[in-house]
PDB file of all heavy atoms in Angstrom:
ATOM      1  N   THR A   1     -10.957   3.227  -2.561  1.00  0.00           N
ATOM      2  CA  THR A   1      -9.887   2.348  -2.090  1.00  0.00           C
ATOM      3  C   THR A   1     -10.411   1.218  -1.227  1.00  0.00           C
ATOM      4  O   THR A   1     -11.473   1.313  -0.619  1.00  0.00           O
ATOM      5  CB  THR A   1      -8.838   3.133  -1.290  1.00  0.00           C
ATOM      6  OG1 THR A   1      -9.470   3.772  -0.169  1.00  0.00           O
ATOM      7  CG2 THR A   1      -8.182   4.187  -2.159  1.00  0.00           C
ATOM      8  N   ASN A   2      -9.629   0.156  -1.180  1.00  0.00           N
ATOM      9  CA  ASN A   2      -9.935  -1.001  -0.364  1.00  0.00           C
ATOM     10  C   ASN A   2      -8.621  -1.552   0.174  1.00  0.00           C
ATOM     11  O   ASN A   2      -7.664  -1.714  -0.575  1.00  0.00           O
ATOM     12  CB  ASN A   2     -10.669  -2.061  -1.183  1.00  0.00           C
ATOM     13  CG  ASN A   2     -11.047  -3.278  -0.364  1.00  0.00           C
ATOM     14  OD1 ASN A   2     -11.486  -3.152   0.774  1.00  0.00           O
ATOM     15  ND2 ASN A   2     -10.907  -4.462  -0.942  1.00  0.00           N
ATOM     16  N   TYR A   3      -8.580  -1.833   1.489  1.00  0.00           N
ATOM     17  CA  TYR A   3      -7.364  -2.318   2.125  1.00  0.00           C
ATOM     18  C   TYR A   3      -7.620  -3.597   2.894  1.00  0.00           C
ATOM     19  O   TYR A   3      -8.688  -3.799   3.472  1.00  0.00           O
ATOM     20  CB  TYR A   3      -6.813  -1.299   3.118  1.00  0.00           C
ATOM     21  CG  TYR A   3      -6.332  -0.008   2.512  1.00  0.00           C
ATOM     22  CD1 TYR A   3      -7.182   1.086   2.389  1.00  0.00           C
ATOM     23  CD2 TYR A   3      -5.015   0.133   2.086  1.00  0.00           C
ATOM     24  CE1 TYR A   3      -6.733   2.282   1.847  1.00  0.00           C
ATOM     25  CE2 TYR A   3      -4.566   1.325   1.545  1.00  0.00           C
ATOM     26  CZ  TYR A   3      -5.430   2.396   1.428  1.00  0.00           C
ATOM     27  OH  TYR A   3      -4.981   3.582   0.896  1.00  0.00           O
ATOM     28  N   ALA A   4      -6.608  -4.443   2.919  1.00  0.00           N
ATOM     29  CA  ALA A   4      -6.642  -5.581   3.821  1.00  0.00           C
ATOM     30  C   ALA A   4      -6.567  -5.076   5.258  1.00  0.00           C
ATOM     31  O   ALA A   4      -5.902  -4.081   5.540  1.00  0.00           O
ATOM     32  CB  ALA A   4      -5.476  -6.526   3.540  1.00  0.00           C
ATOM     33  N   ASP A   5      -7.245  -5.755   6.167  1.00  0.00           N
ATOM     34  CA  ASP A   5      -7.250  -5.325   7.562  1.00  0.00           C
ATOM     35  C   ASP A   5      -5.836  -5.248   8.143  1.00  0.00           C
ATOM     36  O   ASP A   5      -5.546  -4.385   8.977  1.00  0.00           O
ATOM     37  CB  ASP A   5      -8.096  -6.274   8.408  1.00  0.00           C
ATOM     38  CG  ASP A   5      -9.582  -6.135   8.145  1.00  0.00           C
ATOM     39  OD1 ASP A   5     -10.001  -5.098   7.596  1.00  0.00           O
ATOM     40  OD2 ASP A   5     -10.330  -7.068   8.492  1.00  0.00           O
ATOM     41  N   SER A   6      -4.962  -6.122   7.703  1.00  0.00           N
ATOM     42  CA  SER A   6      -3.622  -6.196   8.249  1.00  0.00           C
ATOM     43  C   SER A   6      -2.745  -4.993   7.914  1.00  0.00           C
ATOM     44  O   SER A   6      -1.718  -4.780   8.560  1.00  0.00           O
ATOM     45  CB  SER A   6      -2.923  -7.475   7.774  1.00  0.00           C
ATOM     46  OG  SER A   6      -2.837  -7.504   6.364  1.00  0.00           O
ATOM     47  N   VAL A   7      -3.144  -4.199   6.919  1.00  0.00           N
ATOM     48  CA  VAL A   7      -2.322  -3.060   6.509  1.00  0.00           C
ATOM     49  C   VAL A   7      -3.012  -1.723   6.710  1.00  0.00           C
ATOM     50  O   VAL A   7      -2.387  -0.676   6.484  1.00  0.00           O
ATOM     51  CB  VAL A   7      -1.872  -3.187   5.038  1.00  0.00           C
ATOM     52  CG1 VAL A   7      -1.189  -4.524   4.797  1.00  0.00           C
ATOM     53  CG2 VAL A   7      -3.050  -3.000   4.088  1.00  0.00           C
ATOM     54  N   LYS A   8      -4.249  -1.721   7.151  1.00  0.00           N
ATOM     55  CA  LYS A   8      -4.971  -0.472   7.364  1.00  0.00           C
ATOM     56  C   LYS A   8      -4.253   0.405   8.384  1.00  0.00           C
ATOM     57  O   LYS A   8      -3.823  -0.065   9.432  1.00  0.00           O
ATOM     58  CB  LYS A   8      -6.397  -0.750   7.838  1.00  0.00           C
ATOM     59  CG  LYS A   8      -7.322  -1.268   6.755  1.00  0.00           C
ATOM     60  CD  LYS A   8      -8.731  -1.496   7.289  1.00  0.00           C
ATOM     61  CE  LYS A   8      -9.655  -1.986   6.187  1.00  0.00           C
ATOM     62  NZ  LYS A   8     -11.020  -2.274   6.700  1.00  0.00           N
ATOM     63  N   GLY A   9      -4.127   1.674   8.043  1.00  0.00           N
ATOM     64  CA  GLY A   9      -3.442   2.613   8.916  1.00  0.00           C
ATOM     65  C   GLY A   9      -1.952   2.669   8.702  1.00  0.00           C
ATOM     66  O   GLY A   9      -1.296   3.586   9.203  1.00  0.00           O
ATOM     67  N   ARG A  10      -1.397   1.714   7.969  1.00  0.00           N
ATOM     68  CA  ARG A  10       0.042   1.680   7.712  1.00  0.00           C
ATOM     69  C   ARG A  10       0.376   1.884   6.239  1.00  0.00           C
ATOM     70  O   ARG A  10       1.390   2.511   5.921  1.00  0.00           O
ATOM     71  CB  ARG A  10       0.645   0.353   8.175  1.00  0.00           C
ATOM     72  CG  ARG A  10       0.476   0.089   9.664  1.00  0.00           C
ATOM     73  CD  ARG A  10       1.270  -1.138  10.098  1.00  0.00           C
ATOM     74  NE  ARG A  10       0.806  -2.363   9.431  1.00  0.00           N
ATOM     75  CZ  ARG A  10       1.562  -3.134   8.666  1.00  0.00           C
ATOM     76  NH1 ARG A  10       2.844  -2.820   8.470  1.00  0.00           N
ATOM     77  NH2 ARG A  10       1.067  -4.229   8.109  1.00  0.00           N
ATOM     78  N   PHE A  11      -0.450   1.339   5.366  1.00  0.00           N
ATOM     79  CA  PHE A  11      -0.213   1.433   3.926  1.00  0.00           C
ATOM     80  C   PHE A  11      -1.199   2.408   3.297  1.00  0.00           C
ATOM     81  O   PHE A  11      -2.346   2.515   3.734  1.00  0.00           O
ATOM     82  CB  PHE A  11      -0.389   0.075   3.244  1.00  0.00           C
ATOM     83  CG  PHE A  11       0.656  -0.953   3.578  1.00  0.00           C
ATOM     84  CD1 PHE A  11       1.591  -0.740   4.582  1.00  0.00           C
ATOM     85  CD2 PHE A  11       0.696  -2.147   2.878  1.00  0.00           C
ATOM     86  CE1 PHE A  11       2.545  -1.700   4.890  1.00  0.00           C
ATOM     87  CE2 PHE A  11       1.644  -3.110   3.170  1.00  0.00           C
ATOM     88  CZ  PHE A  11       2.568  -2.888   4.176  1.00  0.00           C
ATOM     89  N   THR A  12      -0.758   3.085   2.254  1.00  0.00           N
ATOM     90  CA  THR A  12      -1.620   3.984   1.504  1.00  0.00           C
ATOM     91  C   THR A  12      -1.446   3.738   0.014  1.00  0.00           C
ATOM     92  O   THR A  12      -0.327   3.789  -0.495  1.00  0.00           O
ATOM     93  CB  THR A  12      -1.319   5.460   1.811  1.00  0.00           C
ATOM     94  OG1 THR A  12      -1.470   5.711   3.212  1.00  0.00           O
ATOM     95  CG2 THR A  12      -2.274   6.368   1.039  1.00  0.00           C
ATOM     96  N   ILE A  13      -2.543   3.472  -0.670  1.00  0.00           N
ATOM     97  CA  ILE A  13      -2.498   3.287  -2.109  1.00  0.00           C
ATOM     98  C   ILE A  13      -2.947   4.580  -2.787  1.00  0.00           C
ATOM     99  O   ILE A  13      -3.860   5.263  -2.313  1.00  0.00           O
ATOM    100  CB  ILE A  13      -3.370   2.093  -2.560  1.00  0.00           C
ATOM    101  CG1 ILE A  13      -3.130   1.771  -4.038  1.00  0.00           C
ATOM    102  CG2 ILE A  13      -4.849   2.347  -2.294  1.00  0.00           C
ATOM    103  CD1 ILE A  13      -3.749   0.449  -4.489  1.00  0.00           C
ATOM    104  N   SER A  14      -2.294   4.921  -3.872  1.00  0.00           N
ATOM    105  CA  SER A  14      -2.648   6.110  -4.631  1.00  0.00           C
ATOM    106  C   SER A  14      -2.383   5.840  -6.102  1.00  0.00           C
ATOM    107  O   SER A  14      -1.765   4.833  -6.460  1.00  0.00           O
ATOM    108  CB  SER A  14      -1.870   7.338  -4.157  1.00  0.00           C
ATOM    109  OG  SER A  14      -0.475   7.151  -4.314  1.00  0.00           O
ATOM    110  N   ARG A  15      -2.865   6.736  -6.950  1.00  0.00           N
ATOM    111  CA  ARG A  15      -2.661   6.526  -8.383  1.00  0.00           C
ATOM    112  C   ARG A  15      -2.519   7.839  -9.122  1.00  0.00           C
ATOM    113  O   ARG A  15      -2.956   8.895  -8.653  1.00  0.00           O
ATOM    114  CB  ARG A  15      -3.799   5.685  -8.980  1.00  0.00           C
ATOM    115  CG  ARG A  15      -5.036   6.457  -9.470  1.00  0.00           C
ATOM    116  CD  ARG A  15      -5.810   7.084  -8.353  1.00  0.00           C
ATOM    117  NE  ARG A  15      -7.042   7.695  -8.847  1.00  0.00           N
ATOM    118  CZ  ARG A  15      -7.695   8.665  -8.231  1.00  0.00           C
ATOM    119  NH1 ARG A  15      -7.252   9.132  -7.063  1.00  0.00           N
ATOM    120  NH2 ARG A  15      -8.804   9.161  -8.750  1.00  0.00           N
ATOM    121  N   ASP A  16      -1.898   7.767 -10.277  1.00  0.00           N
ATOM    122  CA  ASP A  16      -1.798   8.874 -11.206  1.00  0.00           C
ATOM    123  C   ASP A  16      -2.420   8.370 -12.501  1.00  0.00           C
ATOM    124  O   ASP A  16      -1.771   7.659 -13.271  1.00  0.00           O
ATOM    125  CB  ASP A  16      -0.346   9.296 -11.416  1.00  0.00           C
ATOM    126  CG  ASP A  16      -0.211  10.524 -12.289  1.00  0.00           C
ATOM    127  OD1 ASP A  16      -1.112  10.801 -13.104  1.00  0.00           O
ATOM    128  OD2 ASP A  16       0.818  11.222 -12.167  1.00  0.00           O
ATOM    129  N   ASN A  17      -3.668   8.710 -12.725  1.00  0.00           N
ATOM    130  CA  ASN A  17      -4.390   8.191 -13.885  1.00  0.00           C
ATOM    131  C   ASN A  17      -3.747   8.599 -15.212  1.00  0.00           C
ATOM    132  O   ASN A  17      -3.767   7.830 -16.173  1.00  0.00           O
ATOM    133  CB  ASN A  17      -5.846   8.662 -13.856  1.00  0.00           C
ATOM    134  CG  ASN A  17      -6.650   8.013 -12.749  1.00  0.00           C
ATOM    135  OD1 ASN A  17      -6.259   6.983 -12.196  1.00  0.00           O
ATOM    136  ND2 ASN A  17      -7.792   8.601 -12.422  1.00  0.00           N
ATOM    137  N   ALA A  18      -3.200   9.797 -15.264  1.00  0.00           N
ATOM    138  CA  ALA A  18      -2.578  10.279 -16.492  1.00  0.00           C
ATOM    139  C   ALA A  18      -1.361   9.448 -16.875  1.00  0.00           C
ATOM    140  O   ALA A  18      -1.024   9.329 -18.054  1.00  0.00           O
ATOM    141  CB  ALA A  18      -2.200  11.749 -16.362  1.00  0.00           C
ATOM    142  N   LYS A  19      -0.688   8.872 -15.883  1.00  0.00           N
ATOM    143  CA  LYS A  19       0.505   8.065 -16.117  1.00  0.00           C
ATOM    144  C   LYS A  19       0.236   6.568 -16.030  1.00  0.00           C
ATOM    145  O   LYS A  19       1.163   5.773 -16.161  1.00  0.00           O
ATOM    146  CB  LYS A  19       1.600   8.437 -15.121  1.00  0.00           C
ATOM    147  CG  LYS A  19       2.090   9.870 -15.232  1.00  0.00           C
ATOM    148  CD  LYS A  19       3.182  10.150 -14.211  1.00  0.00           C
ATOM    149  CE  LYS A  19       3.698  11.573 -14.332  1.00  0.00           C
ATOM    150  NZ  LYS A  19       4.757  11.863 -13.329  1.00  0.00           N
ATOM    151  N   ASN A  20      -1.020   6.197 -15.808  1.00  0.00           N
ATOM    152  CA  ASN A  20      -1.388   4.788 -15.632  1.00  0.00           C
ATOM    153  C   ASN A  20      -0.501   4.114 -14.586  1.00  0.00           C
ATOM    154  O   ASN A  20      -0.026   2.991 -14.780  1.00  0.00           O
ATOM    155  CB  ASN A  20      -1.302   4.038 -16.961  1.00  0.00           C
ATOM    156  CG  ASN A  20      -2.367   4.472 -17.941  1.00  0.00           C
ATOM    157  OD1 ASN A  20      -3.428   4.956 -17.557  1.00  0.00           O
ATOM    158  ND2 ASN A  20      -2.096   4.293 -19.229  1.00  0.00           N
ATOM    159  N   THR A  21      -0.306   4.806 -13.491  1.00  0.00           N
ATOM    160  CA  THR A  21       0.607   4.351 -12.455  1.00  0.00           C
ATOM    161  C   THR A  21      -0.089   4.291 -11.100  1.00  0.00           C
ATOM    162  O   THR A  21      -0.864   5.184 -10.756  1.00  0.00           O
ATOM    163  CB  THR A  21       1.833   5.274 -12.360  1.00  0.00           C
ATOM    164  OG1 THR A  21       2.532   5.259 -13.612  1.00  0.00           O
ATOM    165  CG2 THR A  21       2.785   4.814 -11.268  1.00  0.00           C
ATOM    166  N   VAL A  22       0.208   3.248 -10.354  1.00  0.00           N
ATOM    167  CA  VAL A  22      -0.306   3.098  -9.002  1.00  0.00           C
ATOM    168  C   VAL A  22       0.874   3.000  -8.045  1.00  0.00           C
ATOM    169  O   VAL A  22       1.933   2.462  -8.393  1.00  0.00           O
ATOM    170  CB  VAL A  22      -1.223   1.858  -8.883  1.00  0.00           C
ATOM    171  CG1 VAL A  22      -0.447   0.566  -9.123  1.00  0.00           C
ATOM    172  CG2 VAL A  22      -1.917   1.826  -7.529  1.00  0.00           C
ATOM    173  N   TYR A  23       0.693   3.531  -6.833  1.00  0.00           N
ATOM    174  CA  TYR A  23       1.743   3.541  -5.830  1.00  0.00           C
ATOM    175  C   TYR A  23       1.243   2.877  -4.552  1.00  0.00           C
ATOM    176  O   TYR A  23       0.047   2.861  -4.267  1.00  0.00           O
ATOM    177  CB  TYR A  23       2.177   4.966  -5.497  1.00  0.00           C
ATOM    178  CG  TYR A  23       2.575   5.789  -6.698  1.00  0.00           C
ATOM    179  CD1 TYR A  23       1.643   6.605  -7.340  1.00  0.00           C
ATOM    180  CD2 TYR A  23       3.872   5.760  -7.190  1.00  0.00           C
ATOM    181  CE1 TYR A  23       1.999   7.359  -8.441  1.00  0.00           C
ATOM    182  CE2 TYR A  23       4.234   6.515  -8.292  1.00  0.00           C
ATOM    183  CZ  TYR A  23       3.299   7.315  -8.913  1.00  0.00           C
ATOM    184  OH  TYR A  23       3.660   8.065 -10.006  1.00  0.00           O
ATOM    185  N   LEU A  24       2.172   2.360  -3.788  1.00  0.00           N
ATOM    186  CA  LEU A  24       1.859   1.828  -2.473  1.00  0.00           C
ATOM    187  C   LEU A  24       2.896   2.346  -1.497  1.00  0.00           C
ATOM    188  O   LEU A  24       4.055   1.928  -1.536  1.00  0.00           O
ATOM    189  CB  LEU A  24       1.845   0.299  -2.475  1.00  0.00           C
ATOM    190  CG  LEU A  24       1.394  -0.350  -1.162  1.00  0.00           C
ATOM    191  CD1 LEU A  24      -0.087  -0.066  -0.909  1.00  0.00           C
ATOM    192  CD2 LEU A  24       1.647  -1.858  -1.175  1.00  0.00           C
ATOM    193  N   GLN A  25       2.476   3.273  -0.640  1.00  0.00           N
ATOM    194  CA  GLN A  25       3.339   3.791   0.405  1.00  0.00           C
ATOM    195  C   GLN A  25       3.184   2.897   1.625  1.00  0.00           C
ATOM    196  O   GLN A  25       2.095   2.786   2.179  1.00  0.00           O
ATOM    197  CB  GLN A  25       2.965   5.232   0.750  1.00  0.00           C
ATOM    198  CG  GLN A  25       3.802   5.849   1.859  1.00  0.00           C
ATOM    199  CD  GLN A  25       5.253   6.013   1.480  1.00  0.00           C
ATOM    200  OE1 GLN A  25       5.562   6.504   0.400  1.00  0.00           O
ATOM    201  NE2 GLN A  25       6.153   5.595   2.358  1.00  0.00           N
ATOM    202  N   MET A  26       4.257   2.262   2.043  1.00  0.00           N
ATOM    203  CA  MET A  26       4.238   1.319   3.148  1.00  0.00           C
ATOM    204  C   MET A  26       5.037   1.889   4.308  1.00  0.00           C
ATOM    205  O   MET A  26       6.248   2.074   4.205  1.00  0.00           O
ATOM    206  CB  MET A  26       4.799  -0.037   2.716  1.00  0.00           C
ATOM    207  CG  MET A  26       4.082  -0.650   1.520  1.00  0.00           C
ATOM    208  SD  MET A  26       4.696  -2.307   1.101  1.00  0.00           S
ATOM    209  CE  MET A  26       6.342  -1.891   0.522  1.00  0.00           C
ATOM    210  N   ASN A  27       4.354   2.165   5.406  1.00  0.00           N
ATOM    211  CA  ASN A  27       4.979   2.694   6.611  1.00  0.00           C
ATOM    212  C   ASN A  27       4.855   1.691   7.745  1.00  0.00           C
ATOM    213  O   ASN A  27       4.033   0.778   7.703  1.00  0.00           O
ATOM    214  CB  ASN A  27       4.338   4.019   7.019  1.00  0.00           C
ATOM    215  CG  ASN A  27       4.485   5.101   5.982  1.00  0.00           C
ATOM    216  OD1 ASN A  27       5.493   5.177   5.283  1.00  0.00           O
ATOM    217  ND2 ASN A  27       3.473   5.963   5.877  1.00  0.00           N
ATOM    218  N   SER A  28       5.667   1.882   8.771  1.00  0.00           N
ATOM    219  CA  SER A  28       5.640   1.012   9.949  1.00  0.00           C
ATOM    220  C   SER A  28       5.688  -0.456   9.557  1.00  0.00           C
ATOM    221  O   SER A  28       4.915  -1.283  10.040  1.00  0.00           O
ATOM    222  CB  SER A  28       4.389   1.300  10.793  1.00  0.00           C
ATOM    223  OG  SER A  28       4.347   2.651  11.202  1.00  0.00           O
ATOM    224  N   LEU A  29       6.607  -0.781   8.688  1.00  0.00           N
ATOM    225  CA  LEU A  29       6.691  -2.139   8.158  1.00  0.00           C
ATOM    226  C   LEU A  29       7.043  -3.151   9.242  1.00  0.00           C
ATOM    227  O   LEU A  29       7.825  -2.876  10.151  1.00  0.00           O
ATOM    228  CB  LEU A  29       7.707  -2.200   7.028  1.00  0.00           C
ATOM    229  CG  LEU A  29       7.201  -1.642   5.694  1.00  0.00           C
ATOM    230  CD1 LEU A  29       8.359  -1.316   4.766  1.00  0.00           C
ATOM    231  CD2 LEU A  29       6.251  -2.638   5.036  1.00  0.00           C
ATOM    232  N   LYS A  30       6.451  -4.321   9.114  1.00  0.00           N
ATOM    233  CA  LYS A  30       6.652  -5.425  10.037  1.00  0.00           C
ATOM    234  C   LYS A  30       7.254  -6.613   9.294  1.00  0.00           C
ATOM    235  O   LYS A  30       7.086  -6.740   8.086  1.00  0.00           O
ATOM    236  CB  LYS A  30       5.317  -5.849  10.657  1.00  0.00           C
ATOM    237  CG  LYS A  30       4.538  -4.740  11.332  1.00  0.00           C
ATOM    238  CD  LYS A  30       3.173  -5.249  11.789  1.00  0.00           C
ATOM    239  CE  LYS A  30       2.367  -4.161  12.463  1.00  0.00           C
ATOM    240  NZ  LYS A  30       1.031  -4.650  12.885  1.00  0.00           N
ATOM    241  N   PRO A  31       7.935  -7.511  10.012  1.00  0.00           N
ATOM    242  CA  PRO A  31       8.450  -8.713   9.356  1.00  0.00           C
ATOM    243  C   PRO A  31       7.360  -9.505   8.638  1.00  0.00           C
ATOM    244  O   PRO A  31       7.641 -10.142   7.617  1.00  0.00           O
ATOM    245  CB  PRO A  31       9.046  -9.515  10.522  1.00  0.00           C
ATOM    246  CG  PRO A  31       9.462  -8.472  11.503  1.00  0.00           C
ATOM    247  CD  PRO A  31       8.396  -7.411  11.410  1.00  0.00           C
ATOM    248  N   GLU A  32       6.143  -9.462   9.151  1.00  0.00           N
ATOM    249  CA  GLU A  32       5.026 -10.166   8.529  1.00  0.00           C
ATOM    250  C   GLU A  32       4.660  -9.613   7.156  1.00  0.00           C
ATOM    251  O   GLU A  32       3.914 -10.254   6.413  1.00  0.00           O
ATOM    252  CB  GLU A  32       3.778 -10.114   9.429  1.00  0.00           C
ATOM    253  CG  GLU A  32       4.012 -10.598  10.847  1.00  0.00           C
ATOM    254  CD  GLU A  32       4.382  -9.466  11.784  1.00  0.00           C
ATOM    255  OE1 GLU A  32       5.591  -9.183  11.922  1.00  0.00           O
ATOM    256  OE2 GLU A  32       3.461  -8.868  12.383  1.00  0.00           O
ATOM    257  N   ASP A  33       5.156  -8.429   6.825  1.00  0.00           N
ATOM    258  CA  ASP A  33       4.901  -7.842   5.518  1.00  0.00           C
ATOM    259  C   ASP A  33       5.827  -8.399   4.443  1.00  0.00           C
ATOM    260  O   ASP A  33       5.654  -8.093   3.261  1.00  0.00           O
ATOM    261  CB  ASP A  33       5.051  -6.321   5.568  1.00  0.00           C
ATOM    262  CG  ASP A  33       4.028  -5.662   6.481  1.00  0.00           C
ATOM    263  OD1 ASP A  33       2.848  -6.051   6.440  1.00  0.00           O
ATOM    264  OD2 ASP A  33       4.422  -4.745   7.230  1.00  0.00           O
ATOM    265  N   THR A  34       6.806  -9.182   4.839  1.00  0.00           N
ATOM    266  CA  THR A  34       7.747  -9.757   3.888  1.00  0.00           C
ATOM    267  C   THR A  34       7.013 -10.649   2.889  1.00  0.00           C
ATOM    268  O   THR A  34       6.307 -11.581   3.269  1.00  0.00           O
ATOM    269  CB  THR A  34       8.826 -10.568   4.605  1.00  0.00           C
ATOM    270  OG1 THR A  34       9.605  -9.695   5.433  1.00  0.00           O
ATOM    271  CG2 THR A  34       9.746 -11.254   3.602  1.00  0.00           C
ATOM    272  N   ALA A  35       7.183 -10.359   1.612  1.00  0.00           N
ATOM    273  CA  ALA A  35       6.496 -11.099   0.557  1.00  0.00           C
ATOM    274  C   ALA A  35       6.925 -10.557  -0.796  1.00  0.00           C
ATOM    275  O   ALA A  35       7.596  -9.531  -0.884  1.00  0.00           O
ATOM    276  CB  ALA A  35       4.975 -10.974   0.702  1.00  0.00           C
ATOM    277  N   VAL A  36       6.521 -11.260  -1.836  1.00  0.00           N
ATOM    278  CA  VAL A  36       6.620 -10.715  -3.173  1.00  0.00           C
ATOM    279  C   VAL A  36       5.342  -9.940  -3.434  1.00  0.00           C
ATOM    280  O   VAL A  36       4.242 -10.479  -3.281  1.00  0.00           O
ATOM    281  CB  VAL A  36       6.807 -11.810  -4.241  1.00  0.00           C
ATOM    282  CG1 VAL A  36       6.820 -11.200  -5.637  1.00  0.00           C
ATOM    283  CG2 VAL A  36       8.095 -12.579  -3.984  1.00  0.00           C
TER     284      VAL A  36
END
């Protein structure tokens, strides 16, 4: 895994290879996280 410094400790990326799916768990969200 690789994370931007701004999200380390708050976001967690994971994947399910069998389903070709990736997830992003976002905790402690800040207004600065607003984006597409």
